[in-house]
Amino acid sequence: MTKNITLGNQAETLVAHSLIQQGYKIIARNYKERWGEIDLIALKDDMLIFVEVKMRSKYYFDLAQVVTESKQQKIMNTASTFIADHNYHDKSCRFDVALVQIENNVPQITYLPDAFSQM
C-alpha cells in the first residue's frame, strides 16, 4: 500500500469518527461503481449524505481544484446508483466535502456541508 493510500484511509477514518461523534451513522465506506467512488456515505436526520474526503499536507485548499466539476459529476452518478440499489428514494441527499490537513503533526478537518449541487 502506498503512502498516499494509507494517508487517505487515515483521513477517511478520522472524518468518519468525527461524523459519528456528531450523530451521523456511517452506512458505507469506499462505495465503488463503474462511474466512480464515494469515500463515505452517512445518514443523519433522514438525510443521506455523500462525503468526499480530501487530504493535503499543505495549508491551502482551493475547492475548485480539490473537487473538480468532472469529479462532482462522477460522485453524483455513483450516488444515483447507490440510492437505486439500496432503496433510499425516500431520503433527501446532499454532497459534502471534508478537507483534512496536517498542521504541526495534528490533523485538522474543515467540513463543508452541501459543498456542491444536488441531483
C-alpha atoms as a PDB file:
ATOM      1  CA  MET A   1       0.000   0.000   0.000  1.00  0.00           C
ATOM      2  CA  THR A   2       1.413   3.354  -0.940  1.00  0.00           C
ATOM      3  CA  LYS A   3       1.867   6.208   1.496  1.00  0.00           C
ATOM      4  CA  ASN A   4      -0.879   8.277  -0.190  1.00  0.00           C
ATOM      5  CA  ILE A   5      -3.424   5.449   0.057  1.00  0.00           C
ATOM      6  CA  THR A   6      -2.554   4.905   3.725  1.00  0.00           C
ATOM      7  CA  LEU A   7      -2.870   8.644   4.463  1.00  0.00           C
ATOM      8  CA  GLY A   8      -6.137   8.754   2.533  1.00  0.00           C
ATOM      9  CA  ASN A   9      -7.549   5.849   4.543  1.00  0.00           C
ATOM     10  CA  GLN A  10      -6.458   7.530   7.768  1.00  0.00           C
ATOM     11  CA  ALA A  11      -8.159  10.759   6.702  1.00  0.00           C
ATOM     12  CA  GLU A  12     -11.386   8.878   5.887  1.00  0.00           C
ATOM     13  CA  THR A  13     -11.284   7.131   9.265  1.00  0.00           C
ATOM     14  CA  LEU A  14     -10.700  10.436  11.038  1.00  0.00           C
ATOM     15  CA  VAL A  15     -13.645  12.062   9.245  1.00  0.00           C
ATOM     16  CA  ALA A  16     -15.872   9.013   9.863  1.00  0.00           C
ATOM     17  CA  HIS A  17     -15.143   9.149  13.609  1.00  0.00           C
ATOM     18  CA  SER A  18     -15.840  12.873  13.665  1.00  0.00           C
ATOM     19  CA  LEU A  19     -19.182  12.367  11.907  1.00  0.00           C
ATOM     20  CA  ILE A  20     -20.159   9.537  14.264  1.00  0.00           C
ATOM     21  CA  GLN A  21     -19.441  11.805  17.237  1.00  0.00           C
ATOM     22  CA  GLN A  22     -21.825  14.341  15.691  1.00  0.00           C
ATOM     23  CA  GLY A  23     -24.638  11.807  15.416  1.00  0.00           C
ATOM     24  CA  TYR A  24     -24.139  10.594  11.851  1.00  0.00           C
ATOM     25  CA  LYS A  25     -24.449   6.897  11.023  1.00  0.00           C
ATOM     26  CA  ILE A  26     -21.856   5.703   8.501  1.00  0.00           C
ATOM     27  CA  ILE A  27     -23.599   3.251   6.159  1.00  0.00           C
ATOM     28  CA  ALA A  28     -20.836   2.771   3.561  1.00  0.00           C
ATOM     29  CA  ARG A  29     -17.144   3.450   3.017  1.00  0.00           C
ATOM     30  CA  ASN A  30     -15.378   3.495  -0.330  1.00  0.00           C
ATOM     31  CA  TYR A  31     -18.545   2.674  -2.273  1.00  0.00           C
ATOM     32  CA  LYS A  32     -17.483   1.897  -5.839  1.00  0.00           C
ATOM     33  CA  GLU A  33     -19.394   1.744  -9.080  1.00  0.00           C
ATOM     34  CA  ARG A  34     -18.179   1.849 -12.635  1.00  0.00           C
ATOM     35  CA  TRP A  35     -18.585   5.655 -12.766  1.00  0.00           C
ATOM     36  CA  GLY A  36     -16.687   6.427  -9.592  1.00  0.00           C
ATOM     37  CA  GLU A  37     -16.244   6.083  -5.854  1.00  0.00           C
ATOM     38  CA  ILE A  38     -17.711   7.786  -2.815  1.00  0.00           C
ATOM     39  CA  ASP A  39     -15.482   7.901   0.257  1.00  0.00           C
ATOM     40  CA  LEU A  40     -18.198   7.955   2.939  1.00  0.00           C
ATOM     41  CA  ILE A  41     -21.966   7.639   2.883  1.00  0.00           C
ATOM     42  CA  ALA A  42     -23.816   8.608   6.038  1.00  0.00           C
ATOM     43  CA  LEU A  43     -27.318   9.113   7.394  1.00  0.00           C
ATOM     44  CA  LYS A  44     -28.416  11.852   9.762  1.00  0.00           C
ATOM     45  CA  ASP A  45     -31.897  13.158  10.497  1.00  0.00           C
ATOM     46  CA  ASP A  46     -33.441  11.434   7.459  1.00  0.00           C
ATOM     47  CA  MET A  47     -30.745  12.944   5.199  1.00  0.00           C
ATOM     48  CA  LEU A  48     -28.458  10.805   3.041  1.00  0.00           C
ATOM     49  CA  ILE A  49     -25.006  12.410   2.910  1.00  0.00           C
ATOM     50  CA  PHE A  50     -22.287  11.607   0.394  1.00  0.00           C
ATOM     51  CA  VAL A  51     -18.868  12.729   1.621  1.00  0.00           C
ATOM     52  CA  GLU A  52     -15.748  13.278  -0.456  1.00  0.00           C
ATOM     53  CA  VAL A  53     -12.647  13.271   1.769  1.00  0.00           C
ATOM     54  CA  LYS A  54      -9.503  15.052   0.624  1.00  0.00           C
ATOM     55  CA  MET A  55      -6.215  15.171   2.499  1.00  0.00           C
ATOM     56  CA  ARG A  56      -3.466  17.661   1.900  1.00  0.00           C
ATOM     57  CA  SER A  57      -0.212  18.301   3.683  1.00  0.00           C
ATOM     58  CA  LYS A  58      -0.243  21.957   2.613  1.00  0.00           C
ATOM     59  CA  TYR A  59      -2.367  24.510   4.428  1.00  0.00           C
ATOM     60  CA  TYR A  60      -4.054  25.990   1.354  1.00  0.00           C
ATOM     61  CA  PHE A  61      -7.102  24.356  -0.237  1.00  0.00           C
ATOM     62  CA  ASP A  62      -8.840  25.529  -3.373  1.00  0.00           C
ATOM     63  CA  LEU A  63     -12.137  23.658  -3.555  1.00  0.00           C
ATOM     64  CA  ALA A  64     -12.292  24.094  -7.329  1.00  0.00           C
ATOM     65  CA  GLN A  65      -9.035  22.161  -7.626  1.00  0.00           C
ATOM     66  CA  VAL A  66      -9.920  19.608  -4.960  1.00  0.00           C
ATOM     67  CA  VAL A  67     -13.305  18.518  -6.294  1.00  0.00           C
ATOM     68  CA  THR A  68     -13.487  19.347  -9.976  1.00  0.00           C
ATOM     69  CA  GLU A  69     -16.748  19.549 -11.891  1.00  0.00           C
ATOM     70  CA  SER A  70     -15.906  16.203 -13.502  1.00  0.00           C
ATOM     71  CA  LYS A  71     -15.331  14.608 -10.076  1.00  0.00           C
ATOM     72  CA  GLN A  72     -18.589  16.087  -8.796  1.00  0.00           C
ATOM     73  CA  GLN A  73     -20.473  14.533 -11.730  1.00  0.00           C
ATOM     74  CA  LYS A  74     -18.884  11.133 -11.049  1.00  0.00           C
ATOM     75  CA  ILE A  75     -19.893  11.352  -7.381  1.00  0.00           C
ATOM     76  CA  MET A  76     -23.462  12.317  -8.292  1.00  0.00           C
ATOM     77  CA  ASN A  77     -23.740   9.451 -10.815  1.00  0.00           C
ATOM     78  CA  THR A  78     -22.392   6.994  -8.251  1.00  0.00           C
ATOM     79  CA  ALA A  79     -24.802   8.393  -5.636  1.00  0.00           C
ATOM     80  CA  SER A  80     -27.731   7.812  -8.023  1.00  0.00           C
ATOM     81  CA  THR A  81     -26.741   4.174  -8.345  1.00  0.00           C
ATOM     82  CA  PHE A  82     -26.363   3.809  -4.567  1.00  0.00           C
ATOM     83  CA  ILE A  83     -29.812   5.324  -3.980  1.00  0.00           C
ATOM     84  CA  ALA A  84     -31.420   2.997  -6.536  1.00  0.00           C
ATOM     85  CA  ASP A  85     -29.576  -0.143  -5.375  1.00  0.00           C
ATOM     86  CA  HIS A  86     -30.298   0.447  -1.682  1.00  0.00           C
ATOM     87  CA  ASN A  87     -33.834   1.839  -1.985  1.00  0.00           C
ATOM     88  CA  TYR A  88     -33.138   5.262  -0.462  1.00  0.00           C
ATOM     89  CA  HIS A  89     -35.580   7.092  -2.766  1.00  0.00           C
ATOM     90  CA  ASP A  90     -37.433   8.480   0.266  1.00  0.00           C
ATOM     91  CA  LYS A  91     -34.360  10.354   1.583  1.00  0.00           C
ATOM     92  CA  SER A  92     -33.154  13.839   0.811  1.00  0.00           C
ATOM     93  CA  CYS A  93     -29.473  13.919  -0.047  1.00  0.00           C
ATOM     94  CA  ARG A  94     -26.550  16.296  -0.067  1.00  0.00           C
ATOM     95  CA  PHE A  95     -22.928  16.263  -1.093  1.00  0.00           C
ATOM     96  CA  ASP A  96     -20.325  17.270   1.485  1.00  0.00           C
ATOM     97  CA  VAL A  97     -16.564  17.654   1.315  1.00  0.00           C
ATOM     98  CA  ALA A  98     -14.201  17.054   4.230  1.00  0.00           C
ATOM     99  CA  LEU A  99     -10.801  18.657   3.857  1.00  0.00           C
ATOM    100  CA  VAL A 100      -8.138  17.187   6.128  1.00  0.00           C
ATOM    101  CA  GLN A 101      -4.829  18.956   6.537  1.00  0.00           C
ATOM    102  CA  ILE A 102      -1.880  18.260   8.784  1.00  0.00           C
ATOM    103  CA  GLU A 103      -0.720  21.248  10.794  1.00  0.00           C
ATOM    104  CA  ASN A 104       2.128  20.759  13.297  1.00  0.00           C
ATOM    105  CA  ASN A 105       1.552  16.989  13.046  1.00  0.00           C
ATOM    106  CA  VAL A 106      -2.093  17.458  14.107  1.00  0.00           C
ATOM    107  CA  PRO A 107      -4.862  16.686  11.619  1.00  0.00           C
ATOM    108  CA  GLN A 108      -7.456  19.437  11.171  1.00  0.00           C
ATOM    109  CA  ILE A 109     -10.814  18.859   9.469  1.00  0.00           C
ATOM    110  CA  THR A 110     -12.602  21.553   7.533  1.00  0.00           C
ATOM    111  CA  TYR A 111     -16.074  20.208   6.834  1.00  0.00           C
ATOM    112  CA  LEU A 112     -18.132  21.732   4.031  1.00  0.00           C
ATOM    113  CA  PRO A 113     -21.768  20.598   4.108  1.00  0.00           C
ATOM    114  CA  ASP A 114     -23.674  20.892   0.836  1.00  0.00           C
ATOM    115  CA  ALA A 115     -20.399  21.649  -0.946  1.00  0.00           C
ATOM    116  CA  PHE A 116     -21.769  21.156  -4.447  1.00  0.00           C
ATOM    117  CA  SER A 117     -25.041  20.825  -6.340  1.00  0.00           C
ATOM    118  CA  GLN A 118     -27.561  18.184  -5.536  1.00  0.00           C
ATOM    119  CA  MET A 119     -29.117  15.848  -8.056  1.00  0.00           C
END
